[in-house]
């Protein structure tokens, strides 16, 4: 029989009055007048308290994930990345909120991280700016320390570790932005990576993020070929974007296009397509008609 002892004199610390454990439970049952069982609802006072205290293995609680998706879904614009045998193509939908907005020469969807790495973003741009600046600093530190460019996957993994750290602690909001990373290094050549707000990343041959990404991903799966060239990748990206955009017409002022390729000299080059060149590409790919025919 299990017994417990009650301390009757705190100063002397003497153990007195052995009490049977069964008698205690019987008294509690009579006082409470109910079965002495702890249910899951009694264990945690509210669902929000449970979700705030526990750390999910997946890295993000369901409530925070759903709230983040609601915030990000209102700010998403489609971005597509395609890996070709001679380069990587990134195409993004530019957000035009008002005709009164002054146009900027800087890009909105495409960002250069280093001479050999660039990215396209979809989501909250203020979050994207913080992460992009972090990636730039990491790339420069690696170059300064080792006198060579930072491998693309190592840079992506380092940035995703930062993103994942913001998903597992209370009081911190995950970064509400997805990335498409395009780059080249001497280890694996041309590479394309996709990263989501939770910090997961993976290598892709063709990927889409942002609004209508599932429809775009389905079209890319049907039309993508392993031996696709950079020129064919541009036409495929424009074709997919024209069919998945919410806008009725596809013009150069609503798009951004960037490429990562290697020059004959062996230098990696990041190039953003100008509006005039982009208009010609739209006509060449058959997405839009020439200005004379359109009028």
C-alpha atoms as a PDB file:
ATOM      1  CA  UNK A   1       0.000   0.000   0.000  1.00  0.00           C
ATOM      2  CA  UNK A   2       1.376   3.422  -1.000  1.00  0.00           C
ATOM      3  CA  UNK A   3       1.528   5.973   1.795  1.00  0.00           C
ATOM      4  CA  UNK A   4       2.365   9.665   1.931  1.00  0.00           C
ATOM      5  CA  UNK A   5       3.372  11.816   4.870  1.00  0.00           C
ATOM      6  CA  UNK A   6       2.227  15.268   5.905  1.00  0.00           C
ATOM      7  CA  UNK A   7       4.584  17.644   7.706  1.00  0.00           C
ATOM      8  CA  UNK A   8       2.860  18.785  10.875  1.00  0.00           C
ATOM      9  CA  UNK A   9       5.722  20.879  12.237  1.00  0.00           C
ATOM     10  CA  UNK A  10       7.586  22.937   9.663  1.00  0.00           C
ATOM     11  CA  UNK A  11      10.385  23.975  11.986  1.00  0.00           C
ATOM     12  CA  UNK A  12      11.304  20.515  13.204  1.00  0.00           C
ATOM     13  CA  UNK A  13      10.561  18.895   9.888  1.00  0.00           C
ATOM     14  CA  UNK A  14       9.146  15.811  11.558  1.00  0.00           C
ATOM     15  CA  UNK A  15       7.033  13.490   9.416  1.00  0.00           C
ATOM     16  CA  UNK A  16       3.722  12.606  11.017  1.00  0.00           C
ATOM     17  CA  UNK A  17       0.294  11.223  10.200  1.00  0.00           C
ATOM     18  CA  UNK A  18       0.688   8.556   7.520  1.00  0.00           C
ATOM     19  CA  UNK A  19      -2.299   8.779   5.182  1.00  0.00           C
ATOM     20  CA  UNK A  20      -3.390   6.238   2.661  1.00  0.00           C
ATOM     21  CA  UNK A  21      -3.369   7.507  -0.904  1.00  0.00           C
ATOM     22  CA  UNK A  22      -6.683   5.822  -1.666  1.00  0.00           C
ATOM     23  CA  UNK A  23      -8.427   7.804   1.074  1.00  0.00           C
ATOM     24  CA  UNK A  24      -7.301  11.079  -0.487  1.00  0.00           C
ATOM     25  CA  UNK A  25      -8.774  10.184  -3.866  1.00  0.00           C
ATOM     26  CA  UNK A  26     -12.020   9.100  -2.255  1.00  0.00           C
ATOM     27  CA  UNK A  27     -12.305  12.412  -0.437  1.00  0.00           C
ATOM     28  CA  UNK A  28     -11.627  14.321  -3.647  1.00  0.00           C
ATOM     29  CA  UNK A  29     -14.302  12.348  -5.438  1.00  0.00           C
ATOM     30  CA  UNK A  30     -16.868  13.135  -2.768  1.00  0.00           C
ATOM     31  CA  UNK A  31     -16.014  16.842  -2.777  1.00  0.00           C
ATOM     32  CA  UNK A  32     -15.902  17.253  -6.538  1.00  0.00           C
ATOM     33  CA  UNK A  33     -18.716  14.739  -7.116  1.00  0.00           C
ATOM     34  CA  UNK A  34     -17.229  13.724 -10.413  1.00  0.00           C
ATOM     35  CA  UNK A  35     -14.696  11.322 -11.847  1.00  0.00           C
ATOM     36  CA  UNK A  36     -11.089  12.249 -11.163  1.00  0.00           C
ATOM     37  CA  UNK A  37      -9.898  12.372 -14.769  1.00  0.00           C
ATOM     38  CA  UNK A  38      -8.003  15.055 -16.634  1.00  0.00           C
ATOM     39  CA  UNK A  39      -9.317  15.619 -20.135  1.00  0.00           C
ATOM     40  CA  UNK A  40      -7.511  17.451 -22.924  1.00  0.00           C
ATOM     41  CA  UNK A  41      -9.821  20.452 -22.544  1.00  0.00           C
ATOM     42  CA  UNK A  42      -8.965  20.718 -18.857  1.00  0.00           C
ATOM     43  CA  UNK A  43      -5.266  20.315 -19.511  1.00  0.00           C
ATOM     44  CA  UNK A  44      -5.123  23.389 -21.762  1.00  0.00           C
ATOM     45  CA  UNK A  45      -7.348  26.327 -20.929  1.00  0.00           C
ATOM     46  CA  UNK A  46      -7.745  27.642 -24.473  1.00  0.00           C
ATOM     47  CA  UNK A  47      -6.643  26.616 -27.920  1.00  0.00           C
ATOM     48  CA  UNK A  48      -4.685  29.821 -28.404  1.00  0.00           C
ATOM     49  CA  UNK A  49      -2.670  29.166 -25.246  1.00  0.00           C
ATOM     50  CA  UNK A  50      -1.820  25.689 -26.486  1.00  0.00           C
ATOM     51  CA  UNK A  51      -0.724  26.966 -29.875  1.00  0.00           C
ATOM     52  CA  UNK A  52       1.330  29.746 -28.342  1.00  0.00           C
ATOM     53  CA  UNK A  53       3.260  27.503 -25.967  1.00  0.00           C
ATOM     54  CA  UNK A  54       3.926  24.363 -27.986  1.00  0.00           C
ATOM     55  CA  UNK A  55       6.545  24.135 -30.734  1.00  0.00           C
ATOM     56  CA  UNK A  56       5.292  22.184 -33.700  1.00  0.00           C
ATOM     57  CA  UNK A  57       7.727  19.891 -35.449  1.00  0.00           C
ATOM     58  CA  UNK A  58       6.654  21.325 -38.767  1.00  0.00           C
ATOM     59  CA  UNK A  59       7.963  24.705 -37.698  1.00  0.00           C
ATOM     60  CA  UNK A  60       4.772  26.751 -37.850  1.00  0.00           C
ATOM     61  CA  UNK A  61       1.457  26.416 -36.028  1.00  0.00           C
ATOM     62  CA  UNK A  62      -1.739  26.058 -38.023  1.00  0.00           C
ATOM     63  CA  UNK A  63      -3.187  29.348 -36.807  1.00  0.00           C
ATOM     64  CA  UNK A  64      -0.104  31.359 -37.713  1.00  0.00           C
ATOM     65  CA  UNK A  65       0.130  29.638 -41.082  1.00  0.00           C
ATOM     66  CA  UNK A  66      -3.469  30.447 -41.994  1.00  0.00           C
ATOM     67  CA  UNK A  67      -3.178  34.058 -40.854  1.00  0.00           C
ATOM     68  CA  UNK A  68       0.059  34.454 -42.808  1.00  0.00           C
ATOM     69  CA  UNK A  69      -1.533  33.072 -45.961  1.00  0.00           C
ATOM     70  CA  UNK A  70      -4.375  35.582 -45.664  1.00  0.00           C
ATOM     71  CA  UNK A  71      -1.920  38.464 -45.413  1.00  0.00           C
ATOM     72  CA  UNK A  72       0.334  37.245 -48.209  1.00  0.00           C
ATOM     73  CA  UNK A  73      -2.513  36.348 -50.587  1.00  0.00           C
ATOM     74  CA  UNK A  74      -3.557  40.003 -50.808  1.00  0.00           C
ATOM     75  CA  UNK A  75      -0.087  41.064 -51.954  1.00  0.00           C
ATOM     76  CA  UNK A  76       0.974  38.266 -54.256  1.00  0.00           C
ATOM     77  CA  UNK A  77       1.960  38.691 -57.870  1.00  0.00           C
ATOM     78  CA  UNK A  78       2.982  35.772 -60.046  1.00  0.00           C
ATOM     79  CA  UNK A  79       6.654  34.997 -60.655  1.00  0.00           C
ATOM     80  CA  UNK A  80       8.024  32.200 -62.832  1.00  0.00           C
ATOM     81  CA  UNK A  81      11.494  30.722 -63.060  1.00  0.00           C
ATOM     82  CA  UNK A  82      12.739  28.340 -65.765  1.00  0.00           C
ATOM     83  CA  UNK A  83      16.079  26.544 -65.879  1.00  0.00           C
ATOM     84  CA  UNK A  84      17.603  26.123 -69.343  1.00  0.00           C
ATOM     85  CA  UNK A  85      20.809  24.541 -70.552  1.00  0.00           C
ATOM     86  CA  UNK A  86      22.471  27.931 -71.107  1.00  0.00           C
ATOM     87  CA  UNK A  87      20.932  30.074 -68.371  1.00  0.00           C
ATOM     88  CA  UNK A  88      18.074  30.762 -65.969  1.00  0.00           C
ATOM     89  CA  UNK A  89      15.056  32.944 -66.787  1.00  0.00           C
ATOM     90  CA  UNK A  90      12.971  34.839 -64.226  1.00  0.00           C
ATOM     91  CA  UNK A  91       9.696  36.549 -65.168  1.00  0.00           C
ATOM     92  CA  UNK A  92       7.484  38.437 -62.739  1.00  0.00           C
ATOM     93  CA  UNK A  93       4.207  40.312 -62.801  1.00  0.00           C
ATOM     94  CA  UNK A  94       4.683  43.959 -61.861  1.00  0.00           C
ATOM     95  CA  UNK A  95       2.137  45.537 -59.544  1.00  0.00           C
ATOM     96  CA  UNK A  96       0.537  48.666 -61.026  1.00  0.00           C
ATOM     97  CA  UNK A  97      -1.796  50.042 -58.353  1.00  0.00           C
ATOM     98  CA  UNK A  98      -2.593  53.432 -59.881  1.00  0.00           C
ATOM     99  CA  UNK A  99      -1.951  55.505 -62.979  1.00  0.00           C
ATOM    100  CA  UNK A 100      -0.858  58.349 -60.696  1.00  0.00           C
ATOM    101  CA  UNK A 101       1.995  56.294 -59.305  1.00  0.00           C
ATOM    102  CA  UNK A 102       5.359  57.533 -60.523  1.00  0.00           C
ATOM    103  CA  UNK A 103       7.245  54.839 -62.369  1.00  0.00           C
ATOM    104  CA  UNK A 104      10.595  53.864 -60.951  1.00  0.00           C
ATOM    105  CA  UNK A 105      13.662  52.715 -62.819  1.00  0.00           C
ATOM    106  CA  UNK A 106      14.363  50.100 -60.146  1.00  0.00           C
ATOM    107  CA  UNK A 107      12.790  46.685 -60.423  1.00  0.00           C
ATOM    108  CA  UNK A 108      10.019  45.527 -58.137  1.00  0.00           C
ATOM    109  CA  UNK A 109      10.180  41.745 -58.539  1.00  0.00           C
ATOM    110  CA  UNK A 110      13.798  41.029 -59.492  1.00  0.00           C
ATOM    111  CA  UNK A 111      16.779  41.598 -57.224  1.00  0.00           C
ATOM    112  CA  UNK A 112      20.474  41.008 -57.686  1.00  0.00           C
ATOM    113  CA  UNK A 113      22.097  39.379 -54.665  1.00  0.00           C
ATOM    114  CA  UNK A 114      25.594  38.891 -56.065  1.00  0.00           C
ATOM    115  CA  UNK A 115      27.224  38.828 -59.475  1.00  0.00           C
ATOM    116  CA  UNK A 116      26.223  35.171 -59.884  1.00  0.00           C
ATOM    117  CA  UNK A 117      22.895  35.034 -57.968  1.00  0.00           C
ATOM    118  CA  UNK A 118      19.557  36.809 -58.430  1.00  0.00           C
ATOM    119  CA  UNK A 119      16.040  36.255 -57.163  1.00  0.00           C
ATOM    120  CA  UNK A 120      12.375  36.923 -57.886  1.00  0.00           C
ATOM    121  CA  UNK A 121      10.000  37.582 -55.003  1.00  0.00           C
ATOM    122  CA  UNK A 122       6.282  37.252 -54.286  1.00  0.00           C
ATOM    123  CA  UNK A 123       4.743  38.494 -51.074  1.00  0.00           C
ATOM    124  CA  UNK A 124       5.345  41.309 -48.609  1.00  0.00           C
ATOM    125  CA  UNK A 125       8.042  43.493 -50.136  1.00  0.00           C
ATOM    126  CA  UNK A 126       9.221  44.962 -46.827  1.00  0.00           C
ATOM    127  CA  UNK A 127       9.994  41.433 -45.623  1.00  0.00           C
ATOM    128  CA  UNK A 128      11.734  40.677 -48.907  1.00  0.00           C
ATOM    129  CA  UNK A 129      14.014  43.719 -48.572  1.00  0.00           C
ATOM    130  CA  UNK A 130      15.233  42.570 -45.157  1.00  0.00           C
ATOM    131  CA  UNK A 131      16.032  39.063 -46.384  1.00  0.00           C
ATOM    132  CA  UNK A 132      17.667  40.261 -49.599  1.00  0.00           C
ATOM    133  CA  UNK A 133      19.972  42.605 -47.691  1.00  0.00           C
ATOM    134  CA  UNK A 134      20.827  39.732 -45.346  1.00  0.00           C
ATOM    135  CA  UNK A 135      21.674  37.489 -48.301  1.00  0.00           C
ATOM    136  CA  UNK A 136      23.850  40.188 -49.857  1.00  0.00           C
ATOM    137  CA  UNK A 137      25.852  40.586 -46.663  1.00  0.00           C
ATOM    138  CA  UNK A 138      26.327  36.823 -46.355  1.00  0.00           C
ATOM    139  CA  UNK A 139      27.522  36.570 -49.958  1.00  0.00           C
ATOM    140  CA  UNK A 140      30.017  39.418 -49.503  1.00  0.00           C
ATOM    141  CA  UNK A 141      31.362  37.956 -46.275  1.00  0.00           C
ATOM    142  CA  UNK A 142      31.943  34.607 -47.968  1.00  0.00           C
ATOM    143  CA  UNK A 143      33.713  36.260 -50.899  1.00  0.00           C
ATOM    144  CA  UNK A 144      35.903  38.307 -48.550  1.00  0.00           C
ATOM    145  CA  UNK A 145      36.826  35.232 -46.496  1.00  0.00           C
ATOM    146  CA  UNK A 146      37.434  32.704 -49.288  1.00  0.00           C
ATOM    147  CA  UNK A 147      38.148  34.919 -52.309  1.00  0.00           C
ATOM    148  CA  UNK A 148      35.540  33.162 -54.433  1.00  0.00           C
ATOM    149  CA  UNK A 149      31.767  33.457 -54.963  1.00  0.00           C
ATOM    150  CA  UNK A 150      29.511  31.749 -52.456  1.00  0.00           C
ATOM    151  CA  UNK A 151      27.889  28.537 -53.784  1.00  0.00           C
ATOM    152  CA  UNK A 152      24.275  29.126 -54.716  1.00  0.00           C
ATOM    153  CA  UNK A 153      22.763  26.362 -52.599  1.00  0.00           C
ATOM    154  CA  UNK A 154      24.820  27.338 -49.573  1.00  0.00           C
ATOM    155  CA  UNK A 155      23.540  30.906 -49.849  1.00  0.00           C
ATOM    156  CA  UNK A 156      19.937  29.726 -50.203  1.00  0.00           C
ATOM    157  CA  UNK A 157      20.264  27.366 -47.249  1.00  0.00           C
ATOM    158  CA  UNK A 158      21.733  30.084 -45.053  1.00  0.00           C
ATOM    159  CA  UNK A 159      18.880  32.457 -45.855  1.00  0.00           C
ATOM    160  CA  UNK A 160      16.252  29.754 -45.318  1.00  0.00           C
ATOM    161  CA  UNK A 161      17.722  28.987 -41.900  1.00  0.00           C
ATOM    162  CA  UNK A 162      17.035  32.600 -40.982  1.00  0.00           C
ATOM    163  CA  UNK A 163      13.465  32.339 -42.266  1.00  0.00           C
ATOM    164  CA  UNK A 164      12.829  29.105 -40.385  1.00  0.00           C
ATOM    165  CA  UNK A 165      14.013  30.616 -37.111  1.00  0.00           C
ATOM    166  CA  UNK A 166      11.130  33.087 -37.196  1.00  0.00           C
ATOM    167  CA  UNK A 167       8.510  30.323 -37.372  1.00  0.00           C
ATOM    168  CA  UNK A 168       9.111  28.483 -34.098  1.00  0.00           C
ATOM    169  CA  UNK A 169       9.021  31.140 -31.379  1.00  0.00           C
ATOM    170  CA  UNK A 170       6.089  32.994 -29.883  1.00  0.00           C
ATOM    171  CA  UNK A 171       5.962  36.715 -30.549  1.00  0.00           C
ATOM    172  CA  UNK A 172       7.726  36.429 -33.916  1.00  0.00           C
ATOM    173  CA  UNK A 173       5.964  36.585 -37.259  1.00  0.00           C
ATOM    174  CA  UNK A 174       7.303  34.509 -40.163  1.00  0.00           C
ATOM    175  CA  UNK A 175       8.579  36.367 -43.209  1.00  0.00           C
ATOM    176  CA  UNK A 176       5.644  36.574 -45.605  1.00  0.00           C
ATOM    177  CA  UNK A 177       7.547  36.165 -48.843  1.00  0.00           C
ATOM    178  CA  UNK A 178       8.461  33.392 -51.284  1.00  0.00           C
ATOM    179  CA  UNK A 179      11.606  33.398 -53.422  1.00  0.00           C
ATOM    180  CA  UNK A 180      12.868  32.038 -56.711  1.00  0.00           C
ATOM    181  CA  UNK A 181      16.676  31.971 -56.688  1.00  0.00           C
ATOM    182  CA  UNK A 182      18.587  31.791 -59.977  1.00  0.00           C
ATOM    183  CA  UNK A 183      22.337  31.436 -60.098  1.00  0.00           C
ATOM    184  CA  UNK A 184      25.470  29.715 -61.347  1.00  0.00           C
ATOM    185  CA  UNK A 185      28.508  28.285 -59.600  1.00  0.00           C
ATOM    186  CA  UNK A 186      31.416  26.042 -60.530  1.00  0.00           C
ATOM    187  CA  UNK A 187      30.004  23.088 -58.584  1.00  0.00           C
ATOM    188  CA  UNK A 188      26.588  22.568 -60.189  1.00  0.00           C
ATOM    189  CA  UNK A 189      26.361  25.112 -63.000  1.00  0.00           C
ATOM    190  CA  UNK A 190      23.008  26.825 -63.480  1.00  0.00           C
ATOM    191  CA  UNK A 191      20.546  26.322 -60.635  1.00  0.00           C
ATOM    192  CA  UNK A 192      16.996  27.322 -59.736  1.00  0.00           C
ATOM    193  CA  UNK A 193      15.652  27.140 -56.178  1.00  0.00           C
ATOM    194  CA  UNK A 194      12.266  27.922 -54.692  1.00  0.00           C
ATOM    195  CA  UNK A 195      11.742  28.885 -51.042  1.00  0.00           C
ATOM    196  CA  UNK A 196       8.474  29.400 -49.135  1.00  0.00           C
ATOM    197  CA  UNK A 197       7.774  31.453 -45.967  1.00  0.00           C
ATOM    198  CA  UNK A 198       8.364  28.455 -43.687  1.00  0.00           C
ATOM    199  CA  UNK A 199      12.009  28.173 -44.756  1.00  0.00           C
ATOM    200  CA  UNK A 200      11.671  25.083 -46.951  1.00  0.00           C
ATOM    201  CA  UNK A 201      13.581  25.137 -50.224  1.00  0.00           C
ATOM    202  CA  UNK A 202      14.262  22.830 -53.144  1.00  0.00           C
ATOM    203  CA  UNK A 203      15.857  22.737 -56.573  1.00  0.00           C
ATOM    204  CA  UNK A 204      13.527  23.005 -59.573  1.00  0.00           C
ATOM    205  CA  UNK A 205      13.699  22.898 -63.350  1.00  0.00           C
ATOM    206  CA  UNK A 206      10.676  25.203 -63.606  1.00  0.00           C
ATOM    207  CA  UNK A 207       8.682  26.741 -60.765  1.00  0.00           C
ATOM    208  CA  UNK A 208       6.019  29.363 -60.094  1.00  0.00           C
ATOM    209  CA  UNK A 209       5.199  31.357 -56.966  1.00  0.00           C
ATOM    210  CA  UNK A 210       2.531  33.891 -56.122  1.00  0.00           C
ATOM    211  CA  UNK A 211      -1.015  34.137 -57.391  1.00  0.00           C
ATOM    212  CA  UNK A 212      -2.302  31.288 -59.567  1.00  0.00           C
ATOM    213  CA  UNK A 213       0.921  29.372 -59.000  1.00  0.00           C
ATOM    214  CA  UNK A 214      -0.812  25.989 -59.213  1.00  0.00           C
ATOM    215  CA  UNK A 215      -2.196  26.702 -62.677  1.00  0.00           C
ATOM    216  CA  UNK A 216       1.170  28.026 -63.821  1.00  0.00           C
ATOM    217  CA  UNK A 217       2.959  25.012 -62.378  1.00  0.00           C
ATOM    218  CA  UNK A 218       0.615  22.675 -64.239  1.00  0.00           C
ATOM    219  CA  UNK A 219       1.319  24.407 -67.562  1.00  0.00           C
ATOM    220  CA  UNK A 220       5.054  24.347 -66.956  1.00  0.00           C
ATOM    221  CA  UNK A 221       4.883  20.630 -66.248  1.00  0.00           C
ATOM    222  CA  UNK A 222       3.231  19.999 -69.604  1.00  0.00           C
ATOM    223  CA  UNK A 223       5.400  22.226 -71.814  1.00  0.00           C
ATOM    224  CA  UNK A 224       8.834  22.082 -70.197  1.00  0.00           C
ATOM    225  CA  UNK A 225      11.621  20.159 -71.957  1.00  0.00           C
ATOM    226  CA  UNK A 226      14.964  19.160 -70.492  1.00  0.00           C
ATOM    227  CA  UNK A 227      17.038  20.542 -73.368  1.00  0.00           C
ATOM    228  CA  UNK A 228      15.239  23.874 -73.516  1.00  0.00           C
ATOM    229  CA  UNK A 229      17.294  26.904 -74.524  1.00  0.00           C
ATOM    230  CA  UNK A 230      17.243  30.299 -72.857  1.00  0.00           C
ATOM    231  CA  UNK A 231      15.289  31.853 -75.724  1.00  0.00           C
ATOM    232  CA  UNK A 232      12.694  29.077 -75.590  1.00  0.00           C
ATOM    233  CA  UNK A 233      12.493  29.445 -71.814  1.00  0.00           C
ATOM    234  CA  UNK A 234      11.647  33.145 -72.201  1.00  0.00           C
ATOM    235  CA  UNK A 235       8.847  32.361 -74.646  1.00  0.00           C
ATOM    236  CA  UNK A 236       7.478  29.621 -72.383  1.00  0.00           C
ATOM    237  CA  UNK A 237       7.516  31.886 -69.330  1.00  0.00           C
ATOM    238  CA  UNK A 238       5.689  34.679 -71.172  1.00  0.00           C
ATOM    239  CA  UNK A 239       3.142  32.211 -72.517  1.00  0.00           C
ATOM    240  CA  UNK A 240       2.405  30.763 -69.086  1.00  0.00           C
ATOM    241  CA  UNK A 241       2.238  34.173 -67.437  1.00  0.00           C
ATOM    242  CA  UNK A 242      -0.155  35.514 -70.069  1.00  0.00           C
ATOM    243  CA  UNK A 243      -2.605  32.690 -69.333  1.00  0.00           C
ATOM    244  CA  UNK A 244      -2.380  32.872 -65.551  1.00  0.00           C
ATOM    245  CA  UNK A 245      -2.368  36.628 -64.955  1.00  0.00           C
ATOM    246  CA  UNK A 246      -5.539  38.283 -63.720  1.00  0.00           C
ATOM    247  CA  UNK A 247      -5.028  41.132 -66.187  1.00  0.00           C
ATOM    248  CA  UNK A 248      -6.685  40.899 -69.600  1.00  0.00           C
ATOM    249  CA  UNK A 249      -3.758  42.284 -71.608  1.00  0.00           C
ATOM    250  CA  UNK A 250      -0.065  41.596 -71.192  1.00  0.00           C
ATOM    251  CA  UNK A 251       2.187  44.610 -71.782  1.00  0.00           C
ATOM    252  CA  UNK A 252       5.780  45.475 -70.980  1.00  0.00           C
ATOM    253  CA  UNK A 253       4.804  47.852 -68.166  1.00  0.00           C
ATOM    254  CA  UNK A 254       3.199  44.953 -66.282  1.00  0.00           C
ATOM    255  CA  UNK A 255       6.154  42.571 -66.525  1.00  0.00           C
ATOM    256  CA  UNK A 256       9.735  42.211 -65.433  1.00  0.00           C
ATOM    257  CA  UNK A 257      12.160  39.783 -67.038  1.00  0.00           C
ATOM    258  CA  UNK A 258      15.670  38.932 -65.903  1.00  0.00           C
ATOM    259  CA  UNK A 259      18.235  36.376 -67.032  1.00  0.00           C
ATOM    260  CA  UNK A 260      21.332  34.788 -65.550  1.00  0.00           C
ATOM    261  CA  UNK A 261      23.782  33.425 -68.110  1.00  0.00           C
ATOM    262  CA  UNK A 262      27.488  33.016 -68.781  1.00  0.00           C
ATOM    263  CA  UNK A 263      29.328  35.184 -71.298  1.00  0.00           C
ATOM    264  CA  UNK A 264      31.840  33.664 -73.751  1.00  0.00           C
ATOM    265  CA  UNK A 265      34.582  35.068 -71.527  1.00  0.00           C
ATOM    266  CA  UNK A 266      33.329  32.855 -68.689  1.00  0.00           C
ATOM    267  CA  UNK A 267      31.894  35.662 -66.567  1.00  0.00           C
ATOM    268  CA  UNK A 268      28.428  35.227 -65.068  1.00  0.00           C
ATOM    269  CA  UNK A 269      26.074  38.030 -66.076  1.00  0.00           C
ATOM    270  CA  UNK A 270      22.756  39.134 -64.582  1.00  0.00           C
ATOM    271  CA  UNK A 271      20.680  41.088 -67.075  1.00  0.00           C
ATOM    272  CA  UNK A 272      17.293  42.792 -66.725  1.00  0.00           C
ATOM    273  CA  UNK A 273      15.318  43.173 -69.935  1.00  0.00           C
ATOM    274  CA  UNK A 274      14.420  46.752 -70.907  1.00  0.00           C
ATOM    275  CA  UNK A 275      10.761  47.704 -71.618  1.00  0.00           C
ATOM    276  CA  UNK A 276      11.426  48.113 -75.359  1.00  0.00           C
ATOM    277  CA  UNK A 277      13.144  44.746 -75.631  1.00  0.00           C
ATOM    278  CA  UNK A 278      10.382  43.175 -73.567  1.00  0.00           C
ATOM    279  CA  UNK A 279       7.722  44.536 -75.930  1.00  0.00           C
ATOM    280  CA  UNK A 280       9.518  42.920 -78.866  1.00  0.00           C
ATOM    281  CA  UNK A 281       9.707  39.623 -76.999  1.00  0.00           C
ATOM    282  CA  UNK A 282       5.966  39.740 -76.306  1.00  0.00           C
ATOM    283  CA  UNK A 283       5.262  40.204 -80.011  1.00  0.00           C
ATOM    284  CA  UNK A 284       7.754  37.509 -80.991  1.00  0.00           C
ATOM    285  CA  UNK A 285       6.239  34.986 -78.607  1.00  0.00           C
ATOM    286  CA  UNK A 286       2.751  35.713 -79.953  1.00  0.00           C
ATOM    287  CA  UNK A 287       1.375  36.937 -76.644  1.00  0.00           C
ATOM    288  CA  UNK A 288       0.543  40.439 -77.939  1.00  0.00           C
ATOM    289  CA  UNK A 289       0.098  41.977 -81.372  1.00  0.00           C
ATOM    290  CA  UNK A 290       2.265  44.730 -82.864  1.00  0.00           C
ATOM    291  CA  UNK A 291       1.154  48.298 -82.201  1.00  0.00           C
ATOM    292  CA  UNK A 292       0.123  48.901 -85.831  1.00  0.00           C
ATOM    293  CA  UNK A 293      -2.121  45.833 -85.929  1.00  0.00           C
ATOM    294  CA  UNK A 294      -3.531  46.504 -82.472  1.00  0.00           C
ATOM    295  CA  UNK A 295      -4.652  49.993 -83.519  1.00  0.00           C
END
